[in-house]
Amino acid sequence: YGDSALKPDVAELPDHSLHSKRAMAKDVLDVV
């Protein structure tokens, strides 16, 4: 969303887990 995104060199996984709520939650934890 907005200006946050996967890095260009990261390939999307078949199960789309890189856009899961678990992955987004980890991002938030990493930011704080």
All heavy atoms as atom14 arrays in JSON, in Angstrom:
{
  "sequence": "YGDSALKPDVAELPDHSLHSKRAMAKDVLDVV",
  "atom14_mask": [
    [1, 1, 1, 1, 1, 1, 1, 1, 1, 1, 1, 1, 0, 0],
    [1, 1, 1, 1, 0, 0, 0, 0, 0, 0, 0, 0, 0, 0],
    [1, 1, 1, 1, 1, 1, 1, 1, 0, 0, 0, 0, 0, 0],
    [1, 1, 1, 1, 1, 1, 0, 0, 0, 0, 0, 0, 0, 0],
    [1, 1, 1, 1, 1, 0, 0, 0, 0, 0, 0, 0, 0, 0],
    [1, 1, 1, 1, 1, 1, 1, 1, 0, 0, 0, 0, 0, 0],
    [1, 1, 1, 1, 1, 1, 1, 1, 1, 0, 0, 0, 0, 0],
    [1, 1, 1, 1, 1, 1, 1, 0, 0, 0, 0, 0, 0, 0],
    [1, 1, 1, 1, 1, 1, 1, 1, 0, 0, 0, 0, 0, 0],
    [1, 1, 1, 1, 1, 1, 1, 0, 0, 0, 0, 0, 0, 0],
    [1, 1, 1, 1, 1, 0, 0, 0, 0, 0, 0, 0, 0, 0],
    [1, 1, 1, 1, 1, 1, 1, 1, 1, 0, 0, 0, 0, 0],
    [1, 1, 1, 1, 1, 1, 1, 1, 0, 0, 0, 0, 0, 0],
    [1, 1, 1, 1, 1, 1, 1, 0, 0, 0, 0, 0, 0, 0],
    [1, 1, 1, 1, 1, 1, 1, 1, 0, 0, 0, 0, 0, 0],
    [1, 1, 1, 1, 1, 1, 1, 1, 1, 1, 0, 0, 0, 0],
    [1, 1, 1, 1, 1, 1, 0, 0, 0, 0, 0, 0, 0, 0],
    [1, 1, 1, 1, 1, 1, 1, 1, 0, 0, 0, 0, 0, 0],
    [1, 1, 1, 1, 1, 1, 1, 1, 1, 1, 0, 0, 0, 0],
    [1, 1, 1, 1, 1, 1, 0, 0, 0, 0, 0, 0, 0, 0],
    [1, 1, 1, 1, 1, 1, 1, 1, 1, 0, 0, 0, 0, 0],
    [1, 1, 1, 1, 1, 1, 1, 1, 1, 1, 1, 0, 0, 0],
    [1, 1, 1, 1, 1, 0, 0, 0, 0, 0, 0, 0, 0, 0],
    [1, 1, 1, 1, 1, 1, 1, 1, 0, 0, 0, 0, 0, 0],
    [1, 1, 1, 1, 1, 0, 0, 0, 0, 0, 0, 0, 0, 0],
    [1, 1, 1, 1, 1, 1, 1, 1, 1, 0, 0, 0, 0, 0],
    [1, 1, 1, 1, 1, 1, 1, 1, 0, 0, 0, 0, 0, 0],
    [1, 1, 1, 1, 1, 1, 1, 0, 0, 0, 0, 0, 0, 0],
    [1, 1, 1, 1, 1, 1, 1, 1, 0, 0, 0, 0, 0, 0],
    [1, 1, 1, 1, 1, 1, 1, 1, 0, 0, 0, 0, 0, 0],
    [1, 1, 1, 1, 1, 1, 1, 0, 0, 0, 0, 0, 0, 0],
    [1, 1, 1, 1, 1, 1, 1, 0, 0, 0, 0, 0, 0, 0]
  ],
  "atom14_positions": [
    [[0.85, -1.19, 0.0], [0.0, 0.0, 0.0], [0.89, 1.24, 0.0], [1.96, 1.25, 0.6], [-0.9, 0.04, 1.24], [-1.91, -1.07, 1.3], [-1.55, -2.33, 1.74], [-3.22, -0.84, 0.91], [-2.48, -3.36, 1.8], [-4.15, -1.86, 0.97], [-3.78, -3.12, 1.41], [-4.7, -4.11, 1.46], [0.0, 0.0, 0.0], [0.0, 0.0, 0.0]],
    [[0.42, 2.31, -0.6], [1.17, 3.58, -0.6], [2.57, 3.37, -1.12], [2.78, 2.79, -2.17], [0.0, 0.0, 0.0], [0.0, 0.0, 0.0], [0.0, 0.0, 0.0], [0.0, 0.0, 0.0], [0.0, 0.0, 0.0], [0.0, 0.0, 0.0], [0.0, 0.0, 0.0], [0.0, 0.0, 0.0], [0.0, 0.0, 0.0], [0.0, 0.0, 0.0]],
    [[3.55, 3.82, -0.33], [4.94, 3.73, -0.74], [5.66, 2.51, -0.18], [6.87, 2.35, -0.39], [5.69, 5.01, -0.32], [5.23, 6.22, -1.11], [4.81, 6.05, -2.26], [5.28, 7.33, -0.56], [0.0, 0.0, 0.0], [0.0, 0.0, 0.0], [0.0, 0.0, 0.0], [0.0, 0.0, 0.0], [0.0, 0.0, 0.0], [0.0, 0.0, 0.0]],
    [[4.97, 1.64, 0.56], [5.59, 0.42, 1.08], [5.41, -0.71, 0.07], [4.34, -0.87, -0.5], [4.95, 0.01, 2.41], [5.24, 0.96, 3.41], [0.0, 0.0, 0.0], [0.0, 0.0, 0.0], [0.0, 0.0, 0.0], [0.0, 0.0, 0.0], [0.0, 0.0, 0.0], [0.0, 0.0, 0.0], [0.0, 0.0, 0.0], [0.0, 0.0, 0.0]],
    [[6.46, -1.49, -0.14], [6.39, -2.55, -1.15], [7.45, -3.6, -0.91], [8.41, -3.39, -0.17], [6.58, -1.94, -2.54], [0.0, 0.0, 0.0], [0.0, 0.0, 0.0], [0.0, 0.0, 0.0], [0.0, 0.0, 0.0], [0.0, 0.0, 0.0], [0.0, 0.0, 0.0], [0.0, 0.0, 0.0], [0.0, 0.0, 0.0], [0.0, 0.0, 0.0]],
    [[7.26, -4.74, -1.57], [8.32, -5.75, -1.59], [9.52, -5.16, -2.28], [9.4, -4.32, -3.18], [7.86, -6.99, -2.37], [6.85, -7.9, -1.69], [6.43, -9.01, -2.65], [7.4, -8.48, -0.41], [0.0, 0.0, 0.0], [0.0, 0.0, 0.0], [0.0, 0.0, 0.0], [0.0, 0.0, 0.0], [0.0, 0.0, 0.0], [0.0, 0.0, 0.0]],
    [[10.7, -5.6, -1.91], [11.91, -5.16, -2.6], [11.88, -5.72, -4.02], [11.35, -6.82, -4.26], [13.15, -5.65, -1.84], [13.33, -4.94, -0.52], [14.58, -5.42, 0.16], [14.77, -4.65, 1.47], [15.92, -5.13, 2.22], [0.0, 0.0, 0.0], [0.0, 0.0, 0.0], [0.0, 0.0, 0.0], [0.0, 0.0, 0.0], [0.0, 0.0, 0.0]],
    [[12.45, -4.98, -4.97], [12.41, -5.43, -6.37], [13.02, -6.81, -6.61], [12.58, -7.52, -7.51], [13.21, -4.36, -7.11], [13.18, -3.17, -6.22], [13.08, -3.7, -4.82], [0.0, 0.0, 0.0], [0.0, 0.0, 0.0], [0.0, 0.0, 0.0], [0.0, 0.0, 0.0], [0.0, 0.0, 0.0], [0.0, 0.0, 0.0], [0.0, 0.0, 0.0]],
    [[13.99, -7.21, -5.81], [14.65, -8.5, -6.04], [13.98, -9.66, -5.3], [14.47, -10.78, -5.32], [16.12, -8.41, -5.64], [16.32, -8.1, -4.16], [15.38, -7.61, -3.52], [17.43, -8.34, -3.66], [0.0, 0.0, 0.0], [0.0, 0.0, 0.0], [0.0, 0.0, 0.0], [0.0, 0.0, 0.0], [0.0, 0.0, 0.0], [0.0, 0.0, 0.0]],
    [[12.83, -9.41, -4.68], [12.11, -10.46, -3.96], [11.0, -11.01, -4.86], [10.11, -10.28, -5.26], [11.51, -9.93, -2.64], [10.68, -11.0, -1.96], [12.61, -9.43, -1.72], [0.0, 0.0, 0.0], [0.0, 0.0, 0.0], [0.0, 0.0, 0.0], [0.0, 0.0, 0.0], [0.0, 0.0, 0.0], [0.0, 0.0, 0.0], [0.0, 0.0, 0.0]],
    [[11.07, -12.29, -5.16], [10.05, -12.92, -6.0], [8.85, -13.29, -5.15], [9.0, -13.81, -4.04], [10.62, -14.15, -6.67], [0.0, 0.0, 0.0], [0.0, 0.0, 0.0], [0.0, 0.0, 0.0], [0.0, 0.0, 0.0], [0.0, 0.0, 0.0], [0.0, 0.0, 0.0], [0.0, 0.0, 0.0], [0.0, 0.0, 0.0], [0.0, 0.0, 0.0]],
    [[7.66, -13.03, -5.66], [6.44, -13.42, -4.97], [6.37, -14.94, -4.89], [6.74, -15.63, -5.82], [5.22, -12.87, -5.71], [3.89, -13.16, -5.04], [3.76, -12.58, -3.64], [3.54, -11.38, -3.53], [3.87, -13.35, -2.66], [0.0, 0.0, 0.0], [0.0, 0.0, 0.0], [0.0, 0.0, 0.0], [0.0, 0.0, 0.0], [0.0, 0.0, 0.0]],
    [[5.91, -15.45, -3.76], [5.77, -16.89, -3.57], [4.41, -17.35, -4.1], [3.45, -16.58, -4.09], [5.92, -17.23, -2.09], [7.26, -16.86, -1.47], [7.24, -17.13, 0.03], [8.4, -17.61, -2.14], [0.0, 0.0, 0.0], [0.0, 0.0, 0.0], [0.0, 0.0, 0.0], [0.0, 0.0, 0.0], [0.0, 0.0, 0.0], [0.0, 0.0, 0.0]],
    [[4.31, -18.6, -4.54], [3.04, -19.1, -5.09], [1.86, -18.98, -4.11], [0.73, -18.8, -4.52], [3.32, -20.58, -5.39], [4.8, -20.67, -5.51], [5.37, -19.59, -4.62], [0.0, 0.0, 0.0], [0.0, 0.0, 0.0], [0.0, 0.0, 0.0], [0.0, 0.0, 0.0], [0.0, 0.0, 0.0], [0.0, 0.0, 0.0], [0.0, 0.0, 0.0]],
    [[2.13, -19.07, -2.81], [1.05, -18.97, -1.83], [0.75, -17.54, -1.4], [-0.09, -17.31, -0.53], [1.36, -19.84, -0.6], [2.57, -19.35, 0.18], [3.23, -18.37, -0.25], [2.87, -19.95, 1.22], [0.0, 0.0, 0.0], [0.0, 0.0, 0.0], [0.0, 0.0, 0.0], [0.0, 0.0, 0.0], [0.0, 0.0, 0.0], [0.0, 0.0, 0.0]],
    [[1.46, -16.58, -1.99], [1.27, -15.14, -1.7], [1.53, -14.8, -0.23], [1.05, -13.79, 0.28], [-0.12, -14.66, -2.11], [-0.44, -14.94, -3.53], [0.15, -14.25, -4.56], [-1.25, -15.84, -4.12], [-0.3, -14.7, -5.71], [-1.13, -15.68, -5.48], [0.0, 0.0, 0.0], [0.0, 0.0, 0.0], [0.0, 0.0, 0.0], [0.0, 0.0, 0.0]],
    [[2.3, -15.63, 0.45], [2.55, -15.41, 1.88], [3.32, -14.13, 2.16], [3.27, -13.62, 3.28], [3.28, -16.62, 2.48], [4.53, -16.81, 1.85], [0.0, 0.0, 0.0], [0.0, 0.0, 0.0], [0.0, 0.0, 0.0], [0.0, 0.0, 0.0], [0.0, 0.0, 0.0], [0.0, 0.0, 0.0], [0.0, 0.0, 0.0], [0.0, 0.0, 0.0]],
    [[4.02, -13.6, 1.17], [4.73, -12.34, 1.39], [3.79, -11.15, 1.55], [4.2, -10.07, 1.97], [5.73, -12.08, 0.26], [6.9, -13.06, 0.21], [7.78, -12.78, -1.0], [7.72, -12.99, 1.48], [0.0, 0.0, 0.0], [0.0, 0.0, 0.0], [0.0, 0.0, 0.0], [0.0, 0.0, 0.0], [0.0, 0.0, 0.0], [0.0, 0.0, 0.0]],
    [[2.51, -11.35, 1.22], [1.5, -10.32, 1.45], [0.48, -10.74, 2.52], [-0.59, -10.17, 2.62], [0.78, -9.97, 0.15], [1.6, -9.09, -0.73], [2.44, -9.57, -1.7], [1.75, -7.75, -0.74], [3.05, -8.57, -2.3], [2.66, -7.45, -1.73], [0.0, 0.0, 0.0], [0.0, 0.0, 0.0], [0.0, 0.0, 0.0], [0.0, 0.0, 0.0]],
    [[0.85, -11.72, 3.33], [-0.05, -12.18, 4.38], [-0.09, -11.16, 5.53], [0.79, -10.32, 5.67], [0.43, -13.53, 4.92], [1.65, -13.38, 5.62], [0.0, 0.0, 0.0], [0.0, 0.0, 0.0], [0.0, 0.0, 0.0], [0.0, 0.0, 0.0], [0.0, 0.0, 0.0], [0.0, 0.0, 0.0], [0.0, 0.0, 0.0], [0.0, 0.0, 0.0]],
    [[-1.11, -11.29, 6.33], [-1.2, -10.41, 7.51], [-0.06, -10.71, 8.47], [0.42, -9.81, 9.15], [-2.57, -10.56, 8.15], [-3.65, -9.98, 7.25], [-5.03, -10.35, 7.69], [-6.04, -9.92, 6.66], [-6.03, -10.75, 5.45], [0.0, 0.0, 0.0], [0.0, 0.0, 0.0], [0.0, 0.0, 0.0], [0.0, 0.0, 0.0], [0.0, 0.0, 0.0]],
    [[0.39, -11.94, 8.52], [1.55, -12.3, 9.35], [2.79, -11.54, 8.89], [3.53, -10.99, 9.69], [1.79, -13.81, 9.28], [2.93, -14.29, 10.16], [3.16, -15.78, 10.0], [1.94, -16.56, 10.16], [1.53, -17.12, 11.3], [2.25, -16.98, 12.38], [0.42, -17.8, 11.35], [0.0, 0.0, 0.0], [0.0, 0.0, 0.0], [0.0, 0.0, 0.0]],
    [[3.02, -11.48, 7.57], [4.18, -10.76, 7.03], [4.05, -9.26, 7.28], [5.02, -8.58, 7.64], [4.33, -11.03, 5.53], [0.0, 0.0, 0.0], [0.0, 0.0, 0.0], [0.0, 0.0, 0.0], [0.0, 0.0, 0.0], [0.0, 0.0, 0.0], [0.0, 0.0, 0.0], [0.0, 0.0, 0.0], [0.0, 0.0, 0.0], [0.0, 0.0, 0.0]],
    [[2.83, -8.74, 7.13], [2.61, -7.3, 7.4], [2.82, -6.99, 8.86], [3.38, -5.95, 9.21], [1.21, -6.9, 6.96], [1.0, -6.91, 5.47], [-0.7, -6.38, 5.1], [-0.76, -6.7, 3.35], [0.0, 0.0, 0.0], [0.0, 0.0, 0.0], [0.0, 0.0, 0.0], [0.0, 0.0, 0.0], [0.0, 0.0, 0.0], [0.0, 0.0, 0.0]],
    [[2.39, -7.88, 9.75], [2.59, -7.68, 11.19], [4.08, -7.65, 11.52], [4.53, -6.83, 12.33], [1.87, -8.77, 11.97], [0.0, 0.0, 0.0], [0.0, 0.0, 0.0], [0.0, 0.0, 0.0], [0.0, 0.0, 0.0], [0.0, 0.0, 0.0], [0.0, 0.0, 0.0], [0.0, 0.0, 0.0], [0.0, 0.0, 0.0], [0.0, 0.0, 0.0]],
    [[4.84, -8.54, 10.89], [6.3, -8.55, 11.1], [6.91, -7.25, 10.62], [7.81, -6.7, 11.27], [6.91, -9.75, 10.37], [8.42, -9.83, 10.46], [8.88, -10.21, 11.85], [10.35, -10.58, 11.88], [11.25, -9.46, 12.08], [0.0, 0.0, 0.0], [0.0, 0.0, 0.0], [0.0, 0.0, 0.0], [0.0, 0.0, 0.0], [0.0, 0.0, 0.0]],
    [[6.42, -6.71, 9.51], [6.9, -5.42, 9.02], [6.69, -4.32, 10.07], [7.57, -3.52, 10.34], [6.19, -5.01, 7.73], [6.56, -5.83, 6.52], [7.54, -6.6, 6.57], [5.84, -5.7, 5.5], [0.0, 0.0, 0.0], [0.0, 0.0, 0.0], [0.0, 0.0, 0.0], [0.0, 0.0, 0.0], [0.0, 0.0, 0.0], [0.0, 0.0, 0.0]],
    [[5.49, -4.29, 10.63], [5.16, -3.28, 11.64], [6.1, -3.42, 12.84], [6.66, -2.43, 13.33], [3.69, -3.37, 12.08], [3.41, -2.42, 13.24], [2.76, -3.08, 10.91], [0.0, 0.0, 0.0], [0.0, 0.0, 0.0], [0.0, 0.0, 0.0], [0.0, 0.0, 0.0], [0.0, 0.0, 0.0], [0.0, 0.0, 0.0], [0.0, 0.0, 0.0]],
    [[6.3, -4.64, 13.28], [7.22, -4.88, 14.4], [8.64, -4.43, 14.06], [9.32, -3.81, 14.88], [7.19, -6.36, 14.78], [7.89, -6.73, 16.07], [7.32, -5.96, 17.26], [7.76, -8.22, 16.31], [0.0, 0.0, 0.0], [0.0, 0.0, 0.0], [0.0, 0.0, 0.0], [0.0, 0.0, 0.0], [0.0, 0.0, 0.0], [0.0, 0.0, 0.0]],
    [[9.09, -4.69, 12.83], [10.41, -4.25, 12.4], [10.52, -2.73, 12.37], [11.54, -2.15, 12.75], [10.76, -4.83, 11.02], [11.04, -6.32, 11.05], [11.26, -6.87, 12.15], [11.04, -6.93, 9.97], [0.0, 0.0, 0.0], [0.0, 0.0, 0.0], [0.0, 0.0, 0.0], [0.0, 0.0, 0.0], [0.0, 0.0, 0.0], [0.0, 0.0, 0.0]],
    [[9.46, -2.05, 11.92], [9.47, -0.58, 11.87], [9.59, -0.01, 13.28], [10.45, 0.84, 13.54], [8.2, -0.04, 11.16], [8.02, 1.45, 11.42], [8.27, -0.32, 9.66], [0.0, 0.0, 0.0], [0.0, 0.0, 0.0], [0.0, 0.0, 0.0], [0.0, 0.0, 0.0], [0.0, 0.0, 0.0], [0.0, 0.0, 0.0], [0.0, 0.0, 0.0]],
    [[8.75, -0.46, 14.21], [8.82, 0.1, 15.56], [10.15, -0.25, 16.23], [10.69, 0.55, 16.99], [7.61, -0.29, 16.44], [6.32, 0.29, 15.89], [7.48, -1.77, 16.64], [0.0, 0.0, 0.0], [0.0, 0.0, 0.0], [0.0, 0.0, 0.0], [0.0, 0.0, 0.0], [0.0, 0.0, 0.0], [0.0, 0.0, 0.0], [0.0, 0.0, 0.0]]
  ]
}
